[in-house]
C-alpha atoms as a PDB file:
ATOM      1  CA  MET A   1       0.000   0.000   0.000  1.00  0.00           C
ATOM      2  CA  LYS A   2       2.806   2.412   0.825  1.00  0.00           C
ATOM      3  CA  ARG A   3       4.437   1.773  -2.541  1.00  0.00           C
ATOM      4  CA  ARG A   4       1.232   2.671  -4.375  1.00  0.00           C
ATOM      5  CA  VAL A   5       0.734   5.872  -2.395  1.00  0.00           C
ATOM      6  CA  ARG A   6       4.358   6.876  -2.878  1.00  0.00           C
ATOM      7  CA  GLN A   7       4.248   6.302  -6.649  1.00  0.00           C
ATOM      8  CA  TYR A   8       0.949   8.155  -7.001  1.00  0.00           C
ATOM      9  CA  SER A   9       2.240  11.077  -4.947  1.00  0.00           C
ATOM     10  CA  LEU A  10       5.465  11.366  -6.919  1.00  0.00           C
ATOM     11  CA  VAL A  11       3.738  11.355 -10.302  1.00  0.00           C
ATOM     12  CA  MET A  12       1.062  13.829  -9.196  1.00  0.00           C
ATOM     13  CA  GLY A  13       3.745  16.029  -7.623  1.00  0.00           C
ATOM     14  CA  ALA A  14       5.577  16.082 -10.947  1.00  0.00           C
ATOM     15  CA  CYS A  15       2.295  16.964 -12.650  1.00  0.00           C
ATOM     16  CA  VAL A  16       1.650  19.925 -10.353  1.00  0.00           C
ATOM     17  CA  LEU A  17       5.270  21.038 -10.687  1.00  0.00           C
ATOM     18  CA  LEU A  18       5.059  20.993 -14.487  1.00  0.00           C
ATOM     19  CA  PHE A  19       1.815  22.980 -14.508  1.00  0.00           C
ATOM     20  CA  ALA A  20       3.164  25.536 -12.036  1.00  0.00           C
ATOM     21  CA  ALA A  21       6.516  25.876 -13.791  1.00  0.00           C
ATOM     22  CA  SER A  22       4.915  26.423 -17.183  1.00  0.00           C
ATOM     23  CA  ALA A  23       4.035  30.053 -16.318  1.00  0.00           C
ATOM     24  CA  PRO A  24       7.618  31.240 -15.748  1.00  0.00           C
ATOM     25  CA  VAL A  25       8.798  29.123 -18.671  1.00  0.00           C
ATOM     26  CA  TYR A  26       6.263  30.923 -20.864  1.00  0.00           C
ATOM     27  CA  PHE A  27       7.811  34.295 -20.041  1.00  0.00           C
ATOM     28  CA  LEU A  28      11.424  33.082 -20.223  1.00  0.00           C
ATOM     29  CA  PHE A  29      11.477  30.690 -23.179  1.00  0.00           C
ATOM     30  CA  GLY A  30       8.234  31.159 -25.096  1.00  0.00           C
ATOM     31  CA  THR A  31       4.904  29.572 -25.745  1.00  0.00           C
ATOM     32  CA  GLY A  32       6.147  26.306 -27.264  1.00  0.00           C
ATOM     33  CA  TRP A  33       7.979  25.126 -24.179  1.00  0.00           C
ATOM     34  CA  ALA A  34       5.131  26.076 -21.850  1.00  0.00           C
ATOM     35  CA  VAL A  35       2.569  24.260 -23.998  1.00  0.00           C
ATOM     36  CA  ALA A  36       4.823  21.199 -24.167  1.00  0.00           C
ATOM     37  CA  MET A  37       5.107  21.162 -20.369  1.00  0.00           C
ATOM     38  CA  CYS A  38       1.321  21.400 -20.020  1.00  0.00           C
ATOM     39  CA  VAL A  39       0.803  18.561 -22.512  1.00  0.00           C
ATOM     40  CA  VAL A  40       3.178  16.322 -20.557  1.00  0.00           C
ATOM     41  CA  ALA A  41       1.491  17.335 -17.300  1.00  0.00           C
ATOM     42  CA  SER A  42      -1.948  16.506 -18.712  1.00  0.00           C
ATOM     43  CA  VAL A  43      -0.835  12.938 -19.494  1.00  0.00           C
ATOM     44  CA  LEU A  44       0.462  12.275 -15.974  1.00  0.00           C
ATOM     45  CA  PRO A  45      -2.829  12.043 -13.967  1.00  0.00           C
ATOM     46  CA  PRO A  46      -4.066   8.888 -15.786  1.00  0.00           C
ATOM     47  CA  VAL A  47      -0.611   7.363 -15.338  1.00  0.00           C
ATOM     48  CA  ALA A  48      -0.705   8.198 -11.625  1.00  0.00           C
ATOM     49  CA  MET A  49      -4.181   6.727 -11.286  1.00  0.00           C
ATOM     50  CA  THR A  50      -3.074   3.506 -12.977  1.00  0.00           C
ATOM     51  CA  LEU A  51      -0.016   3.206 -10.736  1.00  0.00           C
ATOM     52  CA  GLY A  52      -2.129   3.906  -7.661  1.00  0.00           C
ATOM     53  CA  ASN A  53      -4.581   1.136  -8.505  1.00  0.00           C
ATOM     54  CA  LEU A  54      -2.093  -1.643  -9.204  1.00  0.00           C
ATOM     55  CA  ALA A  55      -1.963  -4.355  -6.564  1.00  0.00           C
ATOM     56  CA  ASP A  56       1.348  -4.836  -4.783  1.00  0.00           C
ATOM     57  CA  PRO A  57       2.333  -8.522  -5.122  1.00  0.00           C
ATOM     58  CA  ASP A  58       4.768  -8.228  -2.187  1.00  0.00           C
ATOM     59  CA  ASP A  59       2.161  -6.944   0.284  1.00  0.00           C
ATOM     60  CA  PRO A  60      -0.125  -9.700   1.631  1.00  0.00           C
ATOM     61  CA  ARG A  61      -2.500  -7.076   3.077  1.00  0.00           C
ATOM     62  CA  ASP A  62      -3.135  -5.629  -0.379  1.00  0.00           C
ATOM     63  CA  ARG A  63      -6.258  -7.663  -1.079  1.00  0.00           C
ATOM     64  CA  ASP A  64      -8.358  -5.137  -2.981  1.00  0.00           C
ATOM     65  CA  ALA A  65      -7.531  -6.727  -6.340  1.00  0.00           C
ATOM     66  CA  VAL A  66     -10.050  -8.953  -8.085  1.00  0.00           C
ATOM     67  CA  TYR A  67      -7.374 -10.495 -10.308  1.00  0.00           C
ATOM     68  CA  GLY A  68      -3.694 -11.142  -9.754  1.00  0.00           C
ATOM     69  CA  PRO A  69      -1.478 -12.716  -7.127  1.00  0.00           C
ATOM     70  CA  ASN A  70      -3.355 -11.243  -4.141  1.00  0.00           C
ATOM     71  CA  ALA A  71      -6.901 -11.877  -5.334  1.00  0.00           C
ATOM     72  CA  GLU A  72      -9.273 -13.660  -3.020  1.00  0.00           C
ATOM     73  CA  PRO A  73     -10.102 -17.151  -4.332  1.00  0.00           C
ATOM     74  CA  SER A  74     -13.690 -17.481  -5.493  1.00  0.00           C
ATOM     75  CA  ASP A  75     -16.024 -20.471  -5.303  1.00  0.00           C
ATOM     76  CA  GLU A  76     -16.128 -20.766  -9.112  1.00  0.00           C
ATOM     77  CA  ASP A  77     -12.401 -21.537  -9.197  1.00  0.00           C
ATOM     78  CA  HIS A  78     -12.840 -24.844  -7.367  1.00  0.00           C
ATOM     79  CA  PRO A  79     -15.059 -27.500  -8.963  1.00  0.00           C
ATOM     80  CA  ASP A  80     -15.030 -29.608  -5.763  1.00  0.00           C
ATOM     81  CA  GLY A  81     -16.759 -27.011  -3.639  1.00  0.00           C
ATOM     82  CA  PRO A  82     -16.067 -23.743  -1.904  1.00  0.00           C
ATOM     83  CA  ALA A  83     -12.562 -22.418  -1.872  1.00  0.00           C
ATOM     84  CA  PRO A  84     -10.563 -22.843   1.346  1.00  0.00           C
ATOM     85  CA  ARG A  85     -10.310 -19.595   3.303  1.00  0.00           C
END
């Protein structure tokens, strides 16, 4: 869980930094660089969301995934009856 929060925070921090830094860059270097920074910053929130929602395979408490190594076994997976809990 900590890994997911840390990755999300770093990517969103970079996003905010790029948006905030685009104003001085506009005055110093021109419109092209500022627009490029804003375009990169606009791509980062979906990346951060994806990183924040990935399950951590090393954390046994990270059980909010439906699929993957930490997914709870379902009854449909076992033809002999309910899955052992």
